[in-house]
Amino acid sequence: MDGPVRAPSDYAAGPPPYARGNEGSLVSALKTLLFFTILMVTLPIGLYFASKAYIFEGSMKMSSSDSYFYAAIVAVLAVHVVLALFVYVAWNEGAPKGKGKHD
């Protein structure tokens, strides 16, 4: 036998060093994701109970069963708005800042 098999020197050095240039964009993306996650949980639930109590039952004097239905519609619309905002922000996050002509 020839002896133990050795790994090439590239593997012996370990993984390449972490690219620090991407760290800022990763943190920014995680902050954006956390913000929209919190918004996705709190906004529809808050709008559901607020619109049910103050708008539909309070101002419009609807019955309890009708106010449940319309408050659920408000909550679903809030979910769609938050999702659309998230897609818009995520789409524009990687876009270049300058709007001028690039040479």
PDB file of N, CA and C in Angstrom:
ATOM      1  N   MET A   1       0.832  -1.177   0.000  1.00  0.00           N
ATOM      2  CA  MET A   1       0.000   0.000   0.000  1.00  0.00           C
ATOM      3  C   MET A   1       0.882   1.248   0.000  1.00  0.00           C
ATOM      4  N   ASP A   2       0.302   2.346  -0.440  1.00  0.00           N
ATOM      5  CA  ASP A   2       1.055   3.579  -0.567  1.00  0.00           C
ATOM      6  C   ASP A   2       1.067   4.400   0.706  1.00  0.00           C
ATOM      7  N   GLY A   3       0.301   4.091   1.691  1.00  0.00           N
ATOM      8  CA  GLY A   3       0.231   4.874   2.920  1.00  0.00           C
ATOM      9  C   GLY A   3      -1.103   5.608   2.997  1.00  0.00           C
ATOM     10  N   PRO A   4      -1.267   6.431   4.028  1.00  0.00           N
ATOM     11  CA  PRO A   4      -2.549   7.127   4.189  1.00  0.00           C
ATOM     12  C   PRO A   4      -2.773   8.154   3.072  1.00  0.00           C
ATOM     13  N   VAL A   5      -4.029   8.278   2.716  1.00  0.00           N
ATOM     14  CA  VAL A   5      -4.399   9.236   1.673  1.00  0.00           C
ATOM     15  C   VAL A   5      -4.538  10.608   2.314  1.00  0.00           C
ATOM     16  N   ARG A   6      -3.873  11.585   1.749  1.00  0.00           N
ATOM     17  CA  ARG A   6      -3.915  12.940   2.304  1.00  0.00           C
ATOM     18  C   ARG A   6      -4.807  13.809   1.440  1.00  0.00           C
ATOM     19  N   ALA A   7      -5.499  14.691   2.088  1.00  0.00           N
ATOM     20  CA  ALA A   7      -6.353  15.632   1.367  1.00  0.00           C
ATOM     21  C   ALA A   7      -5.483  16.698   0.723  1.00  0.00           C
ATOM     22  N   PRO A   8      -5.932  17.249  -0.385  1.00  0.00           N
ATOM     23  CA  PRO A   8      -5.168  18.353  -0.988  1.00  0.00           C
ATOM     24  C   PRO A   8      -5.062  19.522  -0.018  1.00  0.00           C
ATOM     25  N   SER A   9      -4.093  20.355  -0.241  1.00  0.00           N
ATOM     26  CA  SER A   9      -3.830  21.450   0.688  1.00  0.00           C
ATOM     27  C   SER A   9      -4.998  22.426   0.776  1.00  0.00           C
ATOM     28  N   ASP A  10      -5.841  22.507  -0.262  1.00  0.00           N
ATOM     29  CA  ASP A  10      -6.998  23.396  -0.221  1.00  0.00           C
ATOM     30  C   ASP A  10      -7.982  22.981   0.877  1.00  0.00           C
ATOM     31  N   TYR A  11      -8.178  21.693   1.055  1.00  0.00           N
ATOM     32  CA  TYR A  11      -9.119  21.209   2.054  1.00  0.00           C
ATOM     33  C   TYR A  11      -8.546  21.247   3.463  1.00  0.00           C
ATOM     34  N   ALA A  12      -7.236  21.135   3.564  1.00  0.00           N
ATOM     35  CA  ALA A  12      -6.603  21.116   4.883  1.00  0.00           C
ATOM     36  C   ALA A  12      -6.690  22.479   5.564  1.00  0.00           C
ATOM     37  N   ALA A  13      -6.782  23.539   4.779  1.00  0.00           N
ATOM     38  CA  ALA A  13      -6.811  24.881   5.355  1.00  0.00           C
ATOM     39  C   ALA A  13      -8.169  25.220   5.961  1.00  0.00           C
ATOM     40  N   GLY A  14      -9.200  24.452   5.634  1.00  0.00           N
ATOM     41  CA  GLY A  14     -10.530  24.739   6.161  1.00  0.00           C
ATOM     42  C   GLY A  14     -11.346  25.513   5.139  1.00  0.00           C
ATOM     43  N   PRO A  15     -12.538  25.890   5.542  1.00  0.00           N
ATOM     44  CA  PRO A  15     -13.397  26.613   4.609  1.00  0.00           C
ATOM     45  C   PRO A  15     -12.855  28.011   4.340  1.00  0.00           C
ATOM     46  N   PRO A  16     -13.239  28.578   3.225  1.00  0.00           N
ATOM     47  CA  PRO A  16     -12.759  29.939   2.928  1.00  0.00           C
ATOM     48  C   PRO A  16     -13.304  30.921   3.955  1.00  0.00           C
ATOM     49  N   PRO A  17     -12.614  32.015   4.187  1.00  0.00           N
ATOM     50  CA  PRO A  17     -13.082  32.981   5.180  1.00  0.00           C
ATOM     51  C   PRO A  17     -14.426  33.562   4.769  1.00  0.00           C
ATOM     52  N   TYR A  18     -15.232  33.893   5.770  1.00  0.00           N
ATOM     53  CA  TYR A  18     -16.577  34.436   5.544  1.00  0.00           C
ATOM     54  C   TYR A  18     -16.464  35.800   4.893  1.00  0.00           C
ATOM     55  N   ALA A  19     -17.217  35.988   3.835  1.00  0.00           N
ATOM     56  CA  ALA A  19     -17.193  37.271   3.129  1.00  0.00           C
ATOM     57  C   ALA A  19     -17.961  38.300   3.945  1.00  0.00           C
ATOM     58  N   ARG A  20     -17.275  39.266   4.471  1.00  0.00           N
ATOM     59  CA  ARG A  20     -17.902  40.283   5.319  1.00  0.00           C
ATOM     60  C   ARG A  20     -18.760  41.269   4.524  1.00  0.00           C
ATOM     61  N   GLY A  21     -18.584  41.345   3.234  1.00  0.00           N
ATOM     62  CA  GLY A  21     -19.349  42.282   2.434  1.00  0.00           C
ATOM     63  C   GLY A  21     -20.830  41.965   2.410  1.00  0.00           C
ATOM     64  N   ASN A  22     -21.195  40.693   2.543  1.00  0.00           N
ATOM     65  CA  ASN A  22     -22.596  40.290   2.512  1.00  0.00           C
ATOM     66  C   ASN A  22     -23.254  40.358   3.874  1.00  0.00           C
ATOM     67  N   GLU A  23     -22.503  40.579   4.921  1.00  0.00           N
ATOM     68  CA  GLU A  23     -23.056  40.555   6.275  1.00  0.00           C
ATOM     69  C   GLU A  23     -24.069  41.677   6.474  1.00  0.00           C
ATOM     70  N   GLY A  24     -23.802  42.857   5.961  1.00  0.00           N
ATOM     71  CA  GLY A  24     -24.724  43.974   6.111  1.00  0.00           C
ATOM     72  C   GLY A  24     -26.041  43.737   5.389  1.00  0.00           C
ATOM     73  N   SER A  25     -25.980  43.173   4.188  1.00  0.00           N
ATOM     74  CA  SER A  25     -27.208  42.902   3.448  1.00  0.00           C
ATOM     75  C   SER A  25     -27.998  41.770   4.090  1.00  0.00           C
ATOM     76  N   LEU A  26     -27.310  40.806   4.685  1.00  0.00           N
ATOM     77  CA  LEU A  26     -27.999  39.718   5.370  1.00  0.00           C
ATOM     78  C   LEU A  26     -28.734  40.238   6.600  1.00  0.00           C
ATOM     79  N   VAL A  27     -28.089  41.085   7.373  1.00  0.00           N
ATOM     80  CA  VAL A  27     -28.724  41.669   8.554  1.00  0.00           C
ATOM     81  C   VAL A  27     -29.913  42.530   8.142  1.00  0.00           C
ATOM     82  N   SER A  28     -29.750  43.274   7.079  1.00  0.00           N
ATOM     83  CA  SER A  28     -30.840  44.111   6.579  1.00  0.00           C
ATOM     84  C   SER A  28     -32.024  43.255   6.138  1.00  0.00           C
ATOM     85  N   ALA A  29     -31.757  42.172   5.447  1.00  0.00           N
ATOM     86  CA  ALA A  29     -32.835  41.281   5.003  1.00  0.00           C
ATOM     87  C   ALA A  29     -33.535  40.625   6.184  1.00  0.00           C
ATOM     88  N   LEU A  30     -32.764  40.238   7.199  1.00  0.00           N
ATOM     89  CA  LEU A  30     -33.382  39.623   8.378  1.00  0.00           C
ATOM     90  C   LEU A  30     -34.225  40.624   9.161  1.00  0.00           C
ATOM     91  N   LYS A  31     -33.767  41.870   9.237  1.00  0.00           N
ATOM     92  CA  LYS A  31     -34.569  42.907   9.910  1.00  0.00           C
ATOM     93  C   LYS A  31     -35.872  43.157   9.163  1.00  0.00           C
ATOM     94  N   THR A  32     -35.784  43.191   7.836  1.00  0.00           N
ATOM     95  CA  THR A  32     -36.986  43.379   7.034  1.00  0.00           C
ATOM     96  C   THR A  32     -37.952  42.215   7.228  1.00  0.00           C
ATOM     97  N   LEU A  33     -37.435  41.004   7.217  1.00  0.00           N
ATOM     98  CA  LEU A  33     -38.273  39.828   7.412  1.00  0.00           C
ATOM     99  C   LEU A  33     -38.910  39.828   8.797  1.00  0.00           C
ATOM    100  N   LEU A  34     -38.156  40.176   9.821  1.00  0.00           N
ATOM    101  CA  LEU A  34     -38.696  40.222  11.180  1.00  0.00           C
ATOM    102  C   LEU A  34     -39.781  41.291  11.306  1.00  0.00           C
ATOM    103  N   PHE A  35     -39.543  42.454  10.702  1.00  0.00           N
ATOM    104  CA  PHE A  35     -40.533  43.529  10.753  1.00  0.00           C
ATOM    105  C   PHE A  35     -41.853  43.099  10.114  1.00  0.00           C
ATOM    106  N   PHE A  36     -41.775  42.496   8.924  1.00  0.00           N
ATOM    107  CA  PHE A  36     -43.000  42.094   8.247  1.00  0.00           C
ATOM    108  C   PHE A  36     -43.645  40.882   8.905  1.00  0.00           C
ATOM    109  N   THR A  37     -42.871  40.037   9.567  1.00  0.00           N
ATOM    110  CA  THR A  37     -43.457  38.930  10.317  1.00  0.00           C
ATOM    111  C   THR A  37     -44.283  39.444  11.486  1.00  0.00           C
ATOM    112  N   ILE A  38     -43.719  40.390  12.226  1.00  0.00           N
ATOM    113  CA  ILE A  38     -44.460  40.985  13.347  1.00  0.00           C
ATOM    114  C   ILE A  38     -45.697  41.719  12.835  1.00  0.00           C
ATOM    115  N   LEU A  39     -45.542  42.447  11.735  1.00  0.00           N
ATOM    116  CA  LEU A  39     -46.665  43.169  11.146  1.00  0.00           C
ATOM    117  C   LEU A  39     -47.742  42.196  10.661  1.00  0.00           C
ATOM    118  N   MET A  40     -47.345  41.057  10.112  1.00  0.00           N
ATOM    119  CA  MET A  40     -48.298  40.073   9.613  1.00  0.00           C
ATOM    120  C   MET A  40     -49.120  39.450  10.743  1.00  0.00           C
ATOM    121  N   VAL A  41     -48.545  39.353  11.915  1.00  0.00           N
ATOM    122  CA  VAL A  41     -49.272  38.771  13.042  1.00  0.00           C
ATOM    123  C   VAL A  41     -50.147  39.817  13.734  1.00  0.00           C
ATOM    124  N   THR A  42     -49.605  40.977  13.994  1.00  0.00           N
ATOM    125  CA  THR A  42     -50.318  41.945  14.824  1.00  0.00           C
ATOM    126  C   THR A  42     -51.371  42.761  14.072  1.00  0.00           C
ATOM    127  N   LEU A  43     -51.079  43.188  12.857  1.00  0.00           N
ATOM    128  CA  LEU A  43     -52.002  44.078  12.150  1.00  0.00           C
ATOM    129  C   LEU A  43     -53.355  43.426  11.845  1.00  0.00           C
ATOM    130  N   PRO A  44     -53.416  42.246  11.246  1.00  0.00           N
ATOM    131  CA  PRO A  44     -54.734  41.664  10.975  1.00  0.00           C
ATOM    132  C   PRO A  44     -55.536  41.353  12.241  1.00  0.00           C
ATOM    133  N   ILE A  45     -54.860  40.869  13.262  1.00  0.00           N
ATOM    134  CA  ILE A  45     -55.576  40.553  14.503  1.00  0.00           C
ATOM    135  C   ILE A  45     -56.084  41.829  15.157  1.00  0.00           C
ATOM    136  N   GLY A  46     -55.241  42.834  15.206  1.00  0.00           N
ATOM    137  CA  GLY A  46     -55.661  44.105  15.787  1.00  0.00           C
ATOM    138  C   GLY A  46     -56.791  44.749  15.012  1.00  0.00           C
ATOM    139  N   LEU A  47     -56.692  44.742  13.685  1.00  0.00           N
ATOM    140  CA  LEU A  47     -57.762  45.312  12.871  1.00  0.00           C
ATOM    141  C   LEU A  47     -59.047  44.517  12.981  1.00  0.00           C
ATOM    142  N   TYR A  48     -58.935  43.211  13.133  1.00  0.00           N
ATOM    143  CA  TYR A  48     -60.139  42.384  13.287  1.00  0.00           C
ATOM    144  C   TYR A  48     -60.930  42.813  14.519  1.00  0.00           C
ATOM    145  N   PHE A  49     -60.256  42.827  15.669  1.00  0.00           N
ATOM    146  CA  PHE A  49     -60.974  43.148  16.902  1.00  0.00           C
ATOM    147  C   PHE A  49     -61.384  44.621  16.968  1.00  0.00           C
ATOM    148  N   ALA A  50     -60.539  45.509  16.466  1.00  0.00           N
ATOM    149  CA  ALA A  50     -60.882  46.931  16.496  1.00  0.00           C
ATOM    150  C   ALA A  50     -62.055  47.240  15.573  1.00  0.00           C
ATOM    151  N   SER A  51     -62.020  46.712  14.357  1.00  0.00           N
ATOM    152  CA  SER A  51     -63.130  46.995  13.438  1.00  0.00           C
ATOM    153  C   SER A  51     -64.420  46.331  13.896  1.00  0.00           C
ATOM    154  N   LYS A  52     -64.328  45.154  14.488  1.00  0.00           N
ATOM    155  CA  LYS A  52     -65.529  44.479  14.987  1.00  0.00           C
ATOM    156  C   LYS A  52     -66.177  45.283  16.099  1.00  0.00           C
ATOM    157  N   ALA A  53     -65.377  45.724  17.061  1.00  0.00           N
ATOM    158  CA  ALA A  53     -65.935  46.401  18.229  1.00  0.00           C
ATOM    159  C   ALA A  53     -66.325  47.846  17.939  1.00  0.00           C
ATOM    160  N   TYR A  54     -65.459  48.587  17.276  1.00  0.00           N
ATOM    161  CA  TYR A  54     -65.686  50.023  17.153  1.00  0.00           C
ATOM    162  C   TYR A  54     -66.417  50.431  15.882  1.00  0.00           C
ATOM    163  N   ILE A  55     -66.143  49.756  14.764  1.00  0.00           N
ATOM    164  CA  ILE A  55     -66.755  50.181  13.504  1.00  0.00           C
ATOM    165  C   ILE A  55     -68.087  49.465  13.283  1.00  0.00           C
ATOM    166  N   PHE A  56     -68.047  48.136  13.242  1.00  0.00           N
ATOM    167  CA  PHE A  56     -69.243  47.399  12.830  1.00  0.00           C
ATOM    168  C   PHE A  56     -70.297  47.300  13.934  1.00  0.00           C
ATOM    169  N   GLU A  57     -69.880  47.013  15.161  1.00  0.00           N
ATOM    170  CA  GLU A  57     -70.862  46.949  16.245  1.00  0.00           C
ATOM    171  C   GLU A  57     -71.108  48.305  16.877  1.00  0.00           C
ATOM    172  N   GLY A  58     -70.062  49.134  16.983  1.00  0.00           N
ATOM    173  CA  GLY A  58     -70.206  50.428  17.634  1.00  0.00           C
ATOM    174  C   GLY A  58     -70.860  51.475  16.762  1.00  0.00           C
ATOM    175  N   SER A  59     -70.256  51.776  15.618  1.00  0.00           N
ATOM    176  CA  SER A  59     -70.758  52.843  14.749  1.00  0.00           C
ATOM    177  C   SER A  59     -71.932  52.406  13.880  1.00  0.00           C
ATOM    178  N   MET A  60     -71.827  51.210  13.309  1.00  0.00           N
ATOM    179  CA  MET A  60     -72.852  50.771  12.363  1.00  0.00           C
ATOM    180  C   MET A  60     -73.976  49.970  13.006  1.00  0.00           C
ATOM    181  N   LYS A  61     -73.855  49.650  14.269  1.00  0.00           N
ATOM    182  CA  LYS A  61     -74.890  48.915  15.023  1.00  0.00           C
ATOM    183  C   LYS A  61     -75.286  47.590  14.357  1.00  0.00           C
ATOM    184  N   MET A  62     -74.288  46.859  13.869  1.00  0.00           N
ATOM    185  CA  MET A  62     -74.541  45.552  13.258  1.00  0.00           C
ATOM    186  C   MET A  62     -74.683  44.493  14.335  1.00  0.00           C
ATOM    187  N   SER A  63     -75.288  43.372  13.959  1.00  0.00           N
ATOM    188  CA  SER A  63     -75.383  42.253  14.893  1.00  0.00           C
ATOM    189  C   SER A  63     -74.008  41.607  15.045  1.00  0.00           C
ATOM    190  N   SER A  64     -73.887  40.776  16.054  1.00  0.00           N
ATOM    191  CA  SER A  64     -72.597  40.146  16.338  1.00  0.00           C
ATOM    192  C   SER A  64     -72.158  39.230  15.205  1.00  0.00           C
ATOM    193  N   SER A  65     -73.081  38.461  14.638  1.00  0.00           N
ATOM    194  CA  SER A  65     -72.712  37.540  13.565  1.00  0.00           C
ATOM    195  C   SER A  65     -72.307  38.289  12.290  1.00  0.00           C
ATOM    196  N   ASP A  66     -72.978  39.391  11.987  1.00  0.00           N
ATOM    197  CA  ASP A  66     -72.594  40.182  10.816  1.00  0.00           C
ATOM    198  C   ASP A  66     -71.239  40.860  11.032  1.00  0.00           C
ATOM    199  N   SER A  67     -71.006  41.347  12.236  1.00  0.00           N
ATOM    200  CA  SER A  67     -69.737  42.029  12.492  1.00  0.00           C
ATOM    201  C   SER A  67     -68.559  41.066  12.436  1.00  0.00           C
ATOM    202  N   TYR A  68     -68.752  39.806  12.815  1.00  0.00           N
ATOM    203  CA  TYR A  68     -67.687  38.807  12.667  1.00  0.00           C
ATOM    204  C   TYR A  68     -67.287  38.664  11.204  1.00  0.00           C
ATOM    205  N   PHE A  69     -68.278  38.582  10.357  1.00  0.00           N
ATOM    206  CA  PHE A  69     -68.038  38.392   8.931  1.00  0.00           C
ATOM    207  C   PHE A  69     -67.268  39.561   8.328  1.00  0.00           C
ATOM    208  N   TYR A  70     -67.728  40.765   8.569  1.00  0.00           N
ATOM    209  CA  TYR A  70     -67.090  41.934   7.976  1.00  0.00           C
ATOM    210  C   TYR A  70     -65.715  42.225   8.593  1.00  0.00           C
ATOM    211  N   ALA A  71     -65.558  41.946   9.870  1.00  0.00           N
ATOM    212  CA  ALA A  71     -64.252  42.121  10.497  1.00  0.00           C
ATOM    213  C   ALA A  71     -63.242  41.120   9.931  1.00  0.00           C
ATOM    214  N   ALA A  72     -63.706  39.923   9.602  1.00  0.00           N
ATOM    215  CA  ALA A  72     -62.812  38.938   8.977  1.00  0.00           C
ATOM    216  C   ALA A  72     -62.378  39.405   7.594  1.00  0.00           C
ATOM    217  N   ILE A  73     -63.255  40.047   6.864  1.00  0.00           N
ATOM    218  CA  ILE A  73     -62.892  40.586   5.554  1.00  0.00           C
ATOM    219  C   ILE A  73     -61.823  41.669   5.709  1.00  0.00           C
ATOM    220  N   VAL A  74     -61.974  42.525   6.712  1.00  0.00           N
ATOM    221  CA  VAL A  74     -60.970  43.562   6.965  1.00  0.00           C
ATOM    222  C   VAL A  74     -59.617  42.929   7.289  1.00  0.00           C
ATOM    223  N   ALA A  75     -59.617  41.866   8.098  1.00  0.00           N
ATOM    224  CA  ALA A  75     -58.365  41.196   8.464  1.00  0.00           C
ATOM    225  C   ALA A  75     -57.702  40.552   7.243  1.00  0.00           C
ATOM    226  N   VAL A  76     -58.492  39.946   6.383  1.00  0.00           N
ATOM    227  CA  VAL A  76     -57.936  39.319   5.175  1.00  0.00           C
ATOM    228  C   VAL A  76     -57.355  40.380   4.244  1.00  0.00           C
ATOM    229  N   LEU A  77     -58.035  41.502   4.122  1.00  0.00           N
ATOM    230  CA  LEU A  77     -57.489  42.594   3.307  1.00  0.00           C
ATOM    231  C   LEU A  77     -56.177  43.122   3.892  1.00  0.00           C
ATOM    232  N   ALA A  78     -56.086  43.185   5.218  1.00  0.00           N
ATOM    233  CA  ALA A  78     -54.847  43.628   5.862  1.00  0.00           C
ATOM    234  C   ALA A  78     -53.707  42.657   5.573  1.00  0.00           C
ATOM    235  N   VAL A  79     -53.987  41.367   5.570  1.00  0.00           N
ATOM    236  CA  VAL A  79     -52.960  40.368   5.244  1.00  0.00           C
ATOM    237  C   VAL A  79     -52.456  40.577   3.816  1.00  0.00           C
ATOM    238  N   HIS A  80     -53.367  40.826   2.903  1.00  0.00           N
ATOM    239  CA  HIS A  80     -52.962  41.039   1.517  1.00  0.00           C
ATOM    240  C   HIS A  80     -52.140  42.316   1.357  1.00  0.00           C
ATOM    241  N   VAL A  81     -52.474  43.346   2.076  1.00  0.00           N
ATOM    242  CA  VAL A  81     -51.706  44.592   2.001  1.00  0.00           C
ATOM    243  C   VAL A  81     -50.293  44.379   2.544  1.00  0.00           C
ATOM    244  N   VAL A  82     -50.173  43.685   3.667  1.00  0.00           N
ATOM    245  CA  VAL A  82     -48.854  43.423   4.244  1.00  0.00           C
ATOM    246  C   VAL A  82     -48.019  42.560   3.296  1.00  0.00           C
ATOM    247  N   LEU A  83     -48.631  41.558   2.705  1.00  0.00           N
ATOM    248  CA  LEU A  83     -47.893  40.720   1.752  1.00  0.00           C
ATOM    249  C   LEU A  83     -47.441  41.515   0.532  1.00  0.00           C
ATOM    250  N   ALA A  84     -48.303  42.382   0.031  1.00  0.00           N
ATOM    251  CA  ALA A  84     -47.928  43.203  -1.125  1.00  0.00           C
ATOM    252  C   ALA A  84     -46.788  44.155  -0.765  1.00  0.00           C
ATOM    253  N   LEU A  85     -46.837  44.740   0.424  1.00  0.00           N
ATOM    254  CA  LEU A  85     -45.750  45.613   0.865  1.00  0.00           C
ATOM    255  C   LEU A  85     -44.439  44.847   1.011  1.00  0.00           C
ATOM    256  N   PHE A  86     -44.525  43.630   1.542  1.00  0.00           N
ATOM    257  CA  PHE A  86     -43.318  42.827   1.690  1.00  0.00           C
ATOM    258  C   PHE A  86     -42.703  42.503   0.336  1.00  0.00           C
ATOM    259  N   VAL A  87     -43.529  42.118  -0.621  1.00  0.00           N
ATOM    260  CA  VAL A  87     -43.019  41.804  -1.958  1.00  0.00           C
ATOM    261  C   VAL A  87     -42.397  43.045  -2.588  1.00  0.00           C
ATOM    262  N   TYR A  88     -43.030  44.201  -2.414  1.00  0.00           N
ATOM    263  CA  TYR A  88     -42.495  45.449  -2.968  1.00  0.00           C
ATOM    264  C   TYR A  88     -41.137  45.789  -2.355  1.00  0.00           C
ATOM    265  N   VAL A  89     -41.036  45.682  -1.035  1.00  0.00           N
ATOM    266  CA  VAL A  89     -39.776  46.006  -0.353  1.00  0.00           C
ATOM    267  C   VAL A  89     -38.695  44.999  -0.727  1.00  0.00           C
ATOM    268  N   ALA A  90     -39.049  43.718  -0.773  1.00  0.00           N
ATOM    269  CA  ALA A  90     -38.061  42.694  -1.125  1.00  0.00           C
ATOM    270  C   ALA A  90     -37.606  42.847  -2.573  1.00  0.00           C
ATOM    271  N   TRP A  91     -38.495  43.231  -3.451  1.00  0.00           N
ATOM    272  CA  TRP A  91     -38.142  43.406  -4.855  1.00  0.00           C
ATOM    273  C   TRP A  91     -37.181  44.579  -5.036  1.00  0.00           C
ATOM    274  N   ASN A  92     -37.412  45.655  -4.302  1.00  0.00           N
ATOM    275  CA  ASN A  92     -36.590  46.852  -4.447  1.00  0.00           C
ATOM    276  C   ASN A  92     -35.361  46.862  -3.548  1.00  0.00           C
ATOM    277  N   GLU A  93     -35.200  45.875  -2.699  1.00  0.00           N
ATOM    278  CA  GLU A  93     -34.069  45.855  -1.774  1.00  0.00           C
ATOM    279  C   GLU A  93     -32.746  45.711  -2.504  1.00  0.00           C
ATOM    280  N   GLY A  94     -32.692  44.946  -3.563  1.00  0.00           N
ATOM    281  CA  GLY A  94     -31.450  44.728  -4.288  1.00  0.00           C
ATOM    282  C   GLY A  94     -31.226  45.703  -5.424  1.00  0.00           C
ATOM    283  N   ALA A  95     -32.173  46.593  -5.657  1.00  0.00           N
ATOM    284  CA  ALA A  95     -32.051  47.541  -6.768  1.00  0.00           C
ATOM    285  C   ALA A  95     -31.005  48.604  -6.451  1.00  0.00           C
ATOM    286  N   PRO A  96     -30.303  49.085  -7.470  1.00  0.00           N
ATOM    287  CA  PRO A  96     -29.329  50.158  -7.226  1.00  0.00           C
ATOM    288  C   PRO A  96     -30.020  51.425  -6.766  1.00  0.00           C
ATOM    289  N   LYS A  97     -29.331  52.194  -5.923  1.00  0.00           N
ATOM    290  CA  LYS A  97     -29.914  53.393  -5.322  1.00  0.00           C
ATOM    291  C   LYS A  97     -30.042  54.536  -6.309  1.00  0.00           C
ATOM    292  N   GLY A  98     -29.020  54.749  -7.134  1.00  0.00           N
ATOM    293  CA  GLY A  98     -29.011  55.891  -8.038  1.00  0.00           C
ATOM    294  C   GLY A  98     -29.973  55.707  -9.191  1.00  0.00           C
ATOM    295  N   LYS A  99     -30.668  56.764  -9.563  1.00  0.00           N
ATOM    296  CA  LYS A  99     -31.582  56.692 -10.684  1.00  0.00           C
ATOM    297  C   LYS A  99     -31.017  57.399 -11.901  1.00  0.00           C
ATOM    298  N   GLY A 100     -29.822  57.937 -11.762  1.00  0.00           N
ATOM    299  CA  GLY A 100     -29.194  58.651 -12.864  1.00  0.00           C
ATOM    300  C   GLY A 100     -28.623  57.688 -13.886  1.00  0.00           C
ATOM    301  N   LYS A 101     -28.049  58.272 -14.935  1.00  0.00           N
ATOM    302  CA  LYS A 101     -27.460  57.465 -15.990  1.00  0.00           C
ATOM    303  C   LYS A 101     -26.112  56.924 -15.520  1.00  0.00           C
ATOM    304  N   HIS A 102     -25.913  55.605 -15.716  1.00  0.00           N
ATOM    305  CA  HIS A 102     -24.657  54.962 -15.306  1.00  0.00           C
ATOM    306  C   HIS A 102     -23.784  54.758 -16.527  1.00  0.00           C
ATOM    307  N   ASP A 103     -22.526  55.110 -16.406  1.00  0.00           N
ATOM    308  CA  ASP A 103     -21.581  54.918 -17.521  1.00  0.00           C
ATOM    309  C   ASP A 103     -20.764  53.679 -17.319  1.00  0.00           C
TER     310      ASP A 103
END
